[in-house]
PDB file of N, CA and C in Angstrom:
ATOM      1  N   MET A   1      13.359  10.213  45.873  1.00  0.00           N
ATOM      2  CA  MET A   1      13.702  10.315  44.466  1.00  0.00           C
ATOM      3  C   MET A   1      13.181   9.065  43.743  1.00  0.00           C
ATOM      4  N   ILE A   2      12.572   9.254  42.596  1.00  0.00           N
ATOM      5  CA  ILE A   2      11.995   8.153  41.826  1.00  0.00           C
ATOM      6  C   ILE A   2      13.076   7.478  40.987  1.00  0.00           C
ATOM      7  N   ASN A   3      13.069   6.167  41.027  1.00  0.00           N
ATOM      8  CA  ASN A   3      13.999   5.371  40.236  1.00  0.00           C
ATOM      9  C   ASN A   3      13.721   5.612  38.751  1.00  0.00           C
ATOM     10  N   LYS A   4      14.783   5.798  37.960  1.00  0.00           N
ATOM     11  CA  LYS A   4      14.629   6.089  36.524  1.00  0.00           C
ATOM     12  C   LYS A   4      13.959   4.947  35.770  1.00  0.00           C
ATOM     13  N   ILE A   5      14.255   3.730  36.160  1.00  0.00           N
ATOM     14  CA  ILE A   5      13.661   2.575  35.474  1.00  0.00           C
ATOM     15  C   ILE A   5      12.169   2.508  35.771  1.00  0.00           C
ATOM     16  N   VAL A   6      11.801   2.717  37.034  1.00  0.00           N
ATOM     17  CA  VAL A   6      10.388   2.717  37.404  1.00  0.00           C
ATOM     18  C   VAL A   6       9.665   3.860  36.696  1.00  0.00           C
ATOM     19  N   LEU A   7      10.290   5.020  36.620  1.00  0.00           N
ATOM     20  CA  LEU A   7       9.695   6.164  35.921  1.00  0.00           C
ATOM     21  C   LEU A   7       9.472   5.849  34.446  1.00  0.00           C
ATOM     22  N   THR A   8      10.437   5.204  33.814  1.00  0.00           N
ATOM     23  CA  THR A   8      10.301   4.826  32.405  1.00  0.00           C
ATOM     24  C   THR A   8       9.166   3.824  32.209  1.00  0.00           C
ATOM     25  N   MET A   9       9.094   2.832  33.088  1.00  0.00           N
ATOM     26  CA  MET A   9       8.030   1.832  32.989  1.00  0.00           C
ATOM     27  C   MET A   9       6.658   2.482  33.180  1.00  0.00           C
ATOM     28  N   ALA A  10       6.546   3.355  34.164  1.00  0.00           N
ATOM     29  CA  ALA A  10       5.279   4.033  34.429  1.00  0.00           C
ATOM     30  C   ALA A  10       4.893   4.944  33.271  1.00  0.00           C
ATOM     31  N   THR A  11       5.866   5.610  32.692  1.00  0.00           N
ATOM     32  CA  THR A  11       5.599   6.496  31.555  1.00  0.00           C
ATOM     33  C   THR A  11       5.077   5.704  30.362  1.00  0.00           C
ATOM     34  N   LEU A  12       5.674   4.547  30.112  1.00  0.00           N
ATOM     35  CA  LEU A  12       5.190   3.694  29.022  1.00  0.00           C
ATOM     36  C   LEU A  12       3.750   3.263  29.263  1.00  0.00           C
ATOM     37  N   ARG A  13       3.427   2.907  30.500  1.00  0.00           N
ATOM     38  CA  ARG A  13       2.058   2.489  30.823  1.00  0.00           C
ATOM     39  C   ARG A  13       1.081   3.658  30.698  1.00  0.00           C
ATOM     40  N   LEU A  14       1.495   4.852  31.106  1.00  0.00           N
ATOM     41  CA  LEU A  14       0.638   6.032  30.920  1.00  0.00           C
ATOM     42  C   LEU A  14       0.413   6.312  29.436  1.00  0.00           C
ATOM     43  N   PHE A  15       1.463   6.151  28.647  1.00  0.00           N
ATOM     44  CA  PHE A  15       1.360   6.340  27.200  1.00  0.00           C
ATOM     45  C   PHE A  15       0.389   5.319  26.602  1.00  0.00           C
ATOM     46  N   SER A  16       0.521   4.070  27.032  1.00  0.00           N
ATOM     47  CA  SER A  16      -0.369   3.017  26.549  1.00  0.00           C
ATOM     48  C   SER A  16      -1.821   3.310  26.926  1.00  0.00           C
ATOM     49  N   GLY A  17      -2.031   3.731  28.152  1.00  0.00           N
ATOM     50  CA  GLY A  17      -3.382   4.070  28.598  1.00  0.00           C
ATOM     51  C   GLY A  17      -3.962   5.242  27.821  1.00  0.00           C
ATOM     52  N   SER A  18      -3.123   6.214  27.514  1.00  0.00           N
ATOM     53  CA  SER A  18      -3.566   7.370  26.724  1.00  0.00           C
ATOM     54  C   SER A  18      -3.985   6.947  25.321  1.00  0.00           C
ATOM     55  N   ILE A  19      -3.244   6.024  24.745  1.00  0.00           N
ATOM     56  CA  ILE A  19      -3.601   5.500  23.421  1.00  0.00           C
ATOM     57  C   ILE A  19      -4.954   4.798  23.492  1.00  0.00           C
ATOM     58  N   GLU A  20      -5.177   4.019  24.547  1.00  0.00           N
ATOM     59  CA  GLU A  20      -6.455   3.313  24.718  1.00  0.00           C
ATOM     60  C   GLU A  20      -7.620   4.298  24.836  1.00  0.00           C
ATOM     61  N   ILE A  21      -7.432   5.345  25.625  1.00  0.00           N
ATOM     62  CA  ILE A  21      -8.491   6.348  25.804  1.00  0.00           C
ATOM     63  C   ILE A  21      -8.764   7.078  24.488  1.00  0.00           C
ATOM     64  N   CYS A  22      -7.707   7.452  23.784  1.00  0.00           N
ATOM     65  CA  CYS A  22      -7.885   8.123  22.485  1.00  0.00           C
ATOM     66  C   CYS A  22      -8.606   7.213  21.492  1.00  0.00           C
ATOM     67  N   ALA A  23      -8.275   5.930  21.511  1.00  0.00           N
ATOM     68  CA  ALA A  23      -8.940   4.978  20.617  1.00  0.00           C
ATOM     69  C   ALA A  23     -10.421   4.874  20.947  1.00  0.00           C
ATOM     70  N   ALA A  24     -10.753   4.856  22.230  1.00  0.00           N
ATOM     71  CA  ALA A  24     -12.161   4.784  22.636  1.00  0.00           C
ATOM     72  C   ALA A  24     -12.915   6.040  22.185  1.00  0.00           C
ATOM     73  N   LEU A  25     -12.297   7.188  22.345  1.00  0.00           N
ATOM     74  CA  LEU A  25     -12.932   8.432  21.905  1.00  0.00           C
ATOM     75  C   LEU A  25     -13.097   8.463  20.384  1.00  0.00           C
ATOM     76  N   LEU A  26     -12.104   7.926  19.677  1.00  0.00           N
ATOM     77  CA  LEU A  26     -12.189   7.867  18.223  1.00  0.00           C
ATOM     78  C   LEU A  26     -13.325   6.950  17.779  1.00  0.00           C
ATOM     79  N   MET A  27     -13.472   5.821  18.471  1.00  0.00           N
ATOM     80  CA  MET A  27     -14.577   4.908  18.157  1.00  0.00           C
ATOM     81  C   MET A  27     -15.920   5.611  18.334  1.00  0.00           C
ATOM     82  N   LEU A  28     -16.048   6.358  19.417  1.00  0.00           N
ATOM     83  CA  LEU A  28     -17.300   7.087  19.650  1.00  0.00           C
ATOM     84  C   LEU A  28     -17.540   8.142  18.575  1.00  0.00           C
ATOM     85  N   ARG A  29     -16.472   8.808  18.186  1.00  0.00           N
ATOM     86  CA  ARG A  29     -16.600   9.851  17.157  1.00  0.00           C
ATOM     87  C   ARG A  29     -16.965   9.262  15.796  1.00  0.00           C
ATOM     88  N   LEU A  30     -16.360   8.127  15.449  1.00  0.00           N
ATOM     89  CA  LEU A  30     -16.641   7.498  14.157  1.00  0.00           C
ATOM     90  C   LEU A  30     -18.061   6.939  14.111  1.00  0.00           C
ATOM     91  N   ASN A  31     -18.504   6.366  15.227  1.00  0.00           N
ATOM     92  CA  ASN A  31     -19.870   5.885  15.385  1.00  0.00           C
ATOM     93  C   ASN A  31     -20.297   4.877  14.305  1.00  0.00           C
ATOM     94  N   GLN A  32     -19.341   4.062  13.866  1.00  0.00           N
ATOM     95  CA  GLN A  32     -19.629   3.007  12.899  1.00  0.00           C
ATOM     96  C   GLN A  32     -18.913   1.742  13.345  1.00  0.00           C
ATOM     97  N   ILE A  33     -19.632   0.626  13.315  1.00  0.00           N
ATOM     98  CA  ILE A  33     -19.083  -0.623  13.839  1.00  0.00           C
ATOM     99  C   ILE A  33     -17.834  -1.054  13.080  1.00  0.00           C
ATOM    100  N   ASP A  34     -17.872  -0.990  11.760  1.00  0.00           N
ATOM    101  CA  ASP A  34     -16.725  -1.453  10.974  1.00  0.00           C
ATOM    102  C   ASP A  34     -15.468  -0.631  11.254  1.00  0.00           C
ATOM    103  N   LYS A  35     -15.629   0.680  11.372  1.00  0.00           N
ATOM    104  CA  LYS A  35     -14.468   1.537  11.663  1.00  0.00           C
ATOM    105  C   LYS A  35     -13.994   1.354  13.106  1.00  0.00           C
ATOM    106  N   ALA A  36     -14.929   1.138  14.020  1.00  0.00           N
ATOM    107  CA  ALA A  36     -14.555   0.889  15.413  1.00  0.00           C
ATOM    108  C   ALA A  36     -13.764  -0.410  15.536  1.00  0.00           C
ATOM    109  N   LEU A  37     -14.128  -1.410  14.742  1.00  0.00           N
ATOM    110  CA  LEU A  37     -13.384  -2.670  14.757  1.00  0.00           C
ATOM    111  C   LEU A  37     -11.961  -2.491  14.240  1.00  0.00           C
ATOM    112  N   VAL A  38     -11.800  -1.632  13.237  1.00  0.00           N
ATOM    113  CA  VAL A  38     -10.461  -1.355  12.717  1.00  0.00           C
ATOM    114  C   VAL A  38      -9.606  -0.692  13.798  1.00  0.00           C
ATOM    115  N   VAL A  39     -10.184   0.289  14.486  1.00  0.00           N
ATOM    116  CA  VAL A  39      -9.462   0.972  15.565  1.00  0.00           C
ATOM    117  C   VAL A  39      -9.120  -0.035  16.665  1.00  0.00           C
ATOM    118  N   ASN A  40     -10.079  -0.859  17.045  1.00  0.00           N
ATOM    119  CA  ASN A  40      -9.859  -1.852  18.093  1.00  0.00           C
ATOM    120  C   ASN A  40      -8.779  -2.856  17.687  1.00  0.00           C
ATOM    121  N   SER A  41      -8.783  -3.269  16.442  1.00  0.00           N
ATOM    122  CA  SER A  41      -7.780  -4.222  15.973  1.00  0.00           C
ATOM    123  C   SER A  41      -6.379  -3.625  16.014  1.00  0.00           C
ATOM    124  N   SER A  42      -6.279  -2.347  15.741  1.00  0.00           N
ATOM    125  CA  SER A  42      -4.961  -1.710  15.781  1.00  0.00           C
ATOM    126  C   SER A  42      -4.407  -1.676  17.205  1.00  0.00           C
ATOM    127  N   LEU A  43      -5.295  -1.690  18.193  1.00  0.00           N
ATOM    128  CA  LEU A  43      -4.843  -1.717  19.587  1.00  0.00           C
ATOM    129  C   LEU A  43      -4.205  -3.051  19.948  1.00  0.00           C
ATOM    130  N   ALA A  44      -4.516  -4.085  19.194  1.00  0.00           N
ATOM    131  CA  ALA A  44      -3.943  -5.403  19.469  1.00  0.00           C
ATOM    132  C   ALA A  44      -2.423  -5.392  19.299  1.00  0.00           C
ATOM    133  N   LEU A  45      -1.905  -4.448  18.551  1.00  0.00           N
ATOM    134  CA  LEU A  45      -0.454  -4.323  18.386  1.00  0.00           C
ATOM    135  C   LEU A  45       0.177  -3.581  19.551  1.00  0.00           C
ATOM    136  N   VAL A  46      -0.533  -2.611  20.081  1.00  0.00           N
ATOM    137  CA  VAL A  46       0.028  -1.744  21.115  1.00  0.00           C
ATOM    138  C   VAL A  46       0.228  -2.492  22.432  1.00  0.00           C
ATOM    139  N   GLY A  47      -0.778  -3.252  22.867  1.00  0.00           N
ATOM    140  CA  GLY A  47      -0.711  -3.936  24.163  1.00  0.00           C
ATOM    141  C   GLY A  47       0.498  -4.841  24.327  1.00  0.00           C
ATOM    142  N   PRO A  48       0.685  -5.817  23.448  1.00  0.00           N
ATOM    143  CA  PRO A  48       1.850  -6.699  23.587  1.00  0.00           C
ATOM    144  C   PRO A  48       3.183  -5.966  23.452  1.00  0.00           C
ATOM    145  N   LEU A  49       3.216  -4.963  22.594  1.00  0.00           N
ATOM    146  CA  LEU A  49       4.455  -4.197  22.413  1.00  0.00           C
ATOM    147  C   LEU A  49       4.836  -3.470  23.698  1.00  0.00           C
ATOM    148  N   ILE A  50       3.851  -2.859  24.347  1.00  0.00           N
ATOM    149  CA  ILE A  50       4.113  -2.175  25.618  1.00  0.00           C
ATOM    150  C   ILE A  50       4.494  -3.196  26.690  1.00  0.00           C
ATOM    151  N   LEU A  51       3.815  -4.345  26.704  1.00  0.00           N
ATOM    152  CA  LEU A  51       4.142  -5.402  27.670  1.00  0.00           C
ATOM    153  C   LEU A  51       5.593  -5.846  27.517  1.00  0.00           C
ATOM    154  N   ILE A  52       6.006  -6.126  26.305  1.00  0.00           N
ATOM    155  CA  ILE A  52       7.378  -6.579  26.050  1.00  0.00           C
ATOM    156  C   ILE A  52       8.386  -5.509  26.457  1.00  0.00           C
ATOM    157  N   THR A  53       8.118  -4.272  26.057  1.00  0.00           N
ATOM    158  CA  THR A  53       9.053  -3.183  26.342  1.00  0.00           C
ATOM    159  C   THR A  53       9.169  -2.930  27.840  1.00  0.00           C
ATOM    160  N   THR A  54       8.035  -2.847  28.519  1.00  0.00           N
ATOM    161  CA  THR A  54       8.046  -2.580  29.953  1.00  0.00           C
ATOM    162  C   THR A  54       8.721  -3.719  30.719  1.00  0.00           C
ATOM    163  N   THR A  55       8.427  -4.955  30.358  1.00  0.00           N
ATOM    164  CA  THR A  55       9.043  -6.103  31.019  1.00  0.00           C
ATOM    165  C   THR A  55      10.543  -6.129  30.772  1.00  0.00           C
ATOM    166  N   THR A  56      10.958  -5.827  29.558  1.00  0.00           N
ATOM    167  CA  THR A  56      12.387  -5.811  29.233  1.00  0.00           C
ATOM    168  C   THR A  56      13.113  -4.759  30.057  1.00  0.00           C
ATOM    169  N   ILE A  57      12.535  -3.576  30.146  1.00  0.00           N
ATOM    170  CA  ILE A  57      13.156  -2.508  30.945  1.00  0.00           C
ATOM    171  C   ILE A  57      13.253  -2.931  32.410  1.00  0.00           C
ATOM    172  N   GLY A  58      12.187  -3.521  32.943  1.00  0.00           N
ATOM    173  CA  GLY A  58      12.211  -3.992  34.327  1.00  0.00           C
ATOM    174  C   GLY A  58      13.253  -5.067  34.558  1.00  0.00           C
ATOM    175  N   LEU A  59      13.359  -6.001  33.620  1.00  0.00           N
ATOM    176  CA  LEU A  59      14.346  -7.075  33.764  1.00  0.00           C
ATOM    177  C   LEU A  59      15.774  -6.547  33.674  1.00  0.00           C
ATOM    178  N   ILE A  60      15.988  -5.574  32.818  1.00  0.00           N
ATOM    179  CA  ILE A  60      17.316  -4.963  32.727  1.00  0.00           C
ATOM    180  C   ILE A  60      17.663  -4.299  34.057  1.00  0.00           C
ATOM    181  N   GLY A  61      16.663  -3.635  34.640  1.00  0.00           N
ATOM    182  CA  GLY A  61      16.893  -2.979  35.923  1.00  0.00           C
ATOM    183  C   GLY A  61      17.161  -3.958  37.057  1.00  0.00           C
ATOM    184  N   MET A  62      16.607  -5.156  36.964  1.00  0.00           N
ATOM    185  CA  MET A  62      16.789  -6.152  38.020  1.00  0.00           C
ATOM    186  C   MET A  62      17.863  -7.180  37.699  1.00  0.00           C
ATOM    187  N   SER A  63      18.490  -7.078  36.560  1.00  0.00           N
ATOM    188  CA  SER A  63      19.416  -8.127  36.122  1.00  0.00           C
ATOM    189  C   SER A  63      20.561  -8.355  37.094  1.00  0.00           C
ATOM    190  N   ASP A  64      20.989  -7.325  37.794  1.00  0.00           N
ATOM    191  CA  ASP A  64      22.079  -7.509  38.750  1.00  0.00           C
ATOM    192  C   ASP A  64      21.601  -8.185  40.040  1.00  0.00           C
ATOM    193  N   LYS A  65      20.274  -8.202  40.286  1.00  0.00           N
ATOM    194  CA  LYS A  65      19.732  -8.781  41.507  1.00  0.00           C
ATOM    195  C   LYS A  65      19.202 -10.199  41.308  1.00  0.00           C
ATOM    196  N   LEU A  66      19.037 -10.623  40.060  1.00  0.00           N
ATOM    197  CA  LEU A  66      18.478 -11.936  39.773  1.00  0.00           C
ATOM    198  C   LEU A  66      19.577 -12.919  39.391  1.00  0.00           C
ATOM    199  N   SER A  67      19.437 -14.144  39.853  1.00  0.00           N
ATOM    200  CA  SER A  67      20.360 -15.192  39.420  1.00  0.00           C
ATOM    201  C   SER A  67      19.987 -15.592  37.992  1.00  0.00           C
ATOM    202  N   ALA A  68      20.871 -16.306  37.355  1.00  0.00           N
ATOM    203  CA  ALA A  68      20.620 -16.742  35.984  1.00  0.00           C
ATOM    204  C   ALA A  68      19.391 -17.651  35.915  1.00  0.00           C
ATOM    205  N   ALA A  69      19.216 -18.500  36.935  1.00  0.00           N
ATOM    206  CA  ALA A  69      18.066 -19.419  36.955  1.00  0.00           C
ATOM    207  C   ALA A  69      16.757 -18.642  37.076  1.00  0.00           C
ATOM    208  N   LYS A  70      16.712 -17.657  37.960  1.00  0.00           N
ATOM    209  CA  LYS A  70      15.491 -16.865  38.126  1.00  0.00           C
ATOM    210  C   LYS A  70      15.199 -16.052  36.868  1.00  0.00           C
ATOM    211  N   LEU A  71      16.237 -15.527  36.250  1.00  0.00           N
ATOM    212  CA  LEU A  71      16.056 -14.771  35.005  1.00  0.00           C
ATOM    213  C   LEU A  71      15.495 -15.682  33.916  1.00  0.00           C
ATOM    214  N   ALA A  72      15.950 -16.922  33.878  1.00  0.00           N
ATOM    215  CA  ALA A  72      15.439 -17.886  32.893  1.00  0.00           C
ATOM    216  C   ALA A  72      13.965 -18.185  33.145  1.00  0.00           C
ATOM    217  N   TRP A  73      13.559 -18.316  34.430  1.00  0.00           N
ATOM    218  CA  TRP A  73      12.156 -18.555  34.751  1.00  0.00           C
ATOM    219  C   TRP A  73      11.283 -17.375  34.348  1.00  0.00           C
ATOM    220  N   VAL A  74      11.754 -16.172  34.603  1.00  0.00           N
ATOM    221  CA  VAL A  74      10.990 -14.976  34.214  1.00  0.00           C
ATOM    222  C   VAL A  74      10.860 -14.914  32.696  1.00  0.00           C
ATOM    223  N   THR A  75      11.940 -15.184  31.994  1.00  0.00           N
ATOM    224  CA  THR A  75      11.912 -15.181  30.530  1.00  0.00           C
ATOM    225  C   THR A  75      10.944 -16.236  30.016  1.00  0.00           C
ATOM    226  N   ALA A  76      10.948 -17.412  30.621  1.00  0.00           N
ATOM    227  CA  ALA A  76      10.019 -18.476  30.213  1.00  0.00           C
ATOM    228  C   ALA A  76       8.574 -18.036  30.448  1.00  0.00           C
ATOM    229  N   GLY A  77       8.320 -17.376  31.568  1.00  0.00           N
ATOM    230  CA  GLY A  77       6.969 -16.897  31.867  1.00  0.00           C
ATOM    231  C   GLY A  77       6.490 -15.856  30.875  1.00  0.00           C
ATOM    232  N   VAL A  78       7.354 -14.914  30.545  1.00  0.00           N
ATOM    233  CA  VAL A  78       6.996 -13.886  29.566  1.00  0.00           C
ATOM    234  C   VAL A  78       6.771 -14.522  28.201  1.00  0.00           C
ATOM    235  N   THR A  79       7.580 -15.503  27.855  1.00  0.00           N
ATOM    236  CA  THR A  79       7.409 -16.202  26.583  1.00  0.00           C
ATOM    237  C   THR A  79       6.054 -16.900  26.533  1.00  0.00           C
ATOM    238  N   CYS A  80       5.675 -17.537  27.633  1.00  0.00           N
ATOM    239  CA  CYS A  80       4.351 -18.192  27.689  1.00  0.00           C
ATOM    240  C   CYS A  80       3.224 -17.172  27.540  1.00  0.00           C
ATOM    241  N   LEU A  81       3.366 -16.019  28.182  1.00  0.00           N
ATOM    242  CA  LEU A  81       2.364 -14.953  28.038  1.00  0.00           C
ATOM    243  C   LEU A  81       2.238 -14.519  26.584  1.00  0.00           C
ATOM    244  N   LEU A  82       3.355 -14.317  25.932  1.00  0.00           N
ATOM    245  CA  LEU A  82       3.333 -13.854  24.546  1.00  0.00           C
ATOM    246  C   LEU A  82       2.726 -14.908  23.617  1.00  0.00           C
ATOM    247  N   ILE A  83       3.054 -16.171  23.860  1.00  0.00           N
ATOM    248  CA  ILE A  83       2.461 -17.242  23.055  1.00  0.00           C
ATOM    249  C   ILE A  83       0.949 -17.258  23.245  1.00  0.00           C
ATOM    250  N   GLY A  84       0.518 -17.083  24.481  1.00  0.00           N
ATOM    251  CA  GLY A  84      -0.923 -17.052  24.770  1.00  0.00           C
ATOM    252  C   GLY A  84      -1.616 -15.861  24.133  1.00  0.00           C
ATOM    253  N   ILE A  85      -0.940 -14.733  24.064  1.00  0.00           N
ATOM    254  CA  ILE A  85      -1.521 -13.541  23.464  1.00  0.00           C
ATOM    255  C   ILE A  85      -1.567 -13.653  21.945  1.00  0.00           C
ATOM    256  N   ILE A  86      -0.486 -14.124  21.369  1.00  0.00           N
ATOM    257  CA  ILE A  86      -0.367 -14.148  19.910  1.00  0.00           C
ATOM    258  C   ILE A  86      -1.238 -15.244  19.296  1.00  0.00           C
ATOM    259  N   LYS A  87      -1.263 -16.430  19.896  1.00  0.00           N
ATOM    260  CA  LYS A  87      -2.042 -17.536  19.331  1.00  0.00           C
ATOM    261  C   LYS A  87      -3.471 -17.443  19.819  1.00  0.00           C
ATOM    262  N   LYS A  88      -4.362 -17.184  18.894  1.00  0.00           N
ATOM    263  CA  LYS A  88      -5.783 -17.037  19.260  1.00  0.00           C
ATOM    264  C   LYS A  88      -6.553 -18.248  18.878  1.00  0.00           C
TER     265      LYS A  88
END
């Protein structure tokens, strides 16, 4: 039997991948650099949002197995990732 949390995380990743594939197909269909850049820029919102959501769901699922110190380290790591993604 598949764990519900793992299923939710996997579903979010499949959804994210589907959005990426649709965006690539849309870029090919539009066949214009300026419009392709707009589509590509809109994907910059999807990636971090899926990362945050999937990580949050995973951490909630593991919260009973992690000590407070380990949870703080994971949170610090995710925060560093987000800072690295957001600050260009």
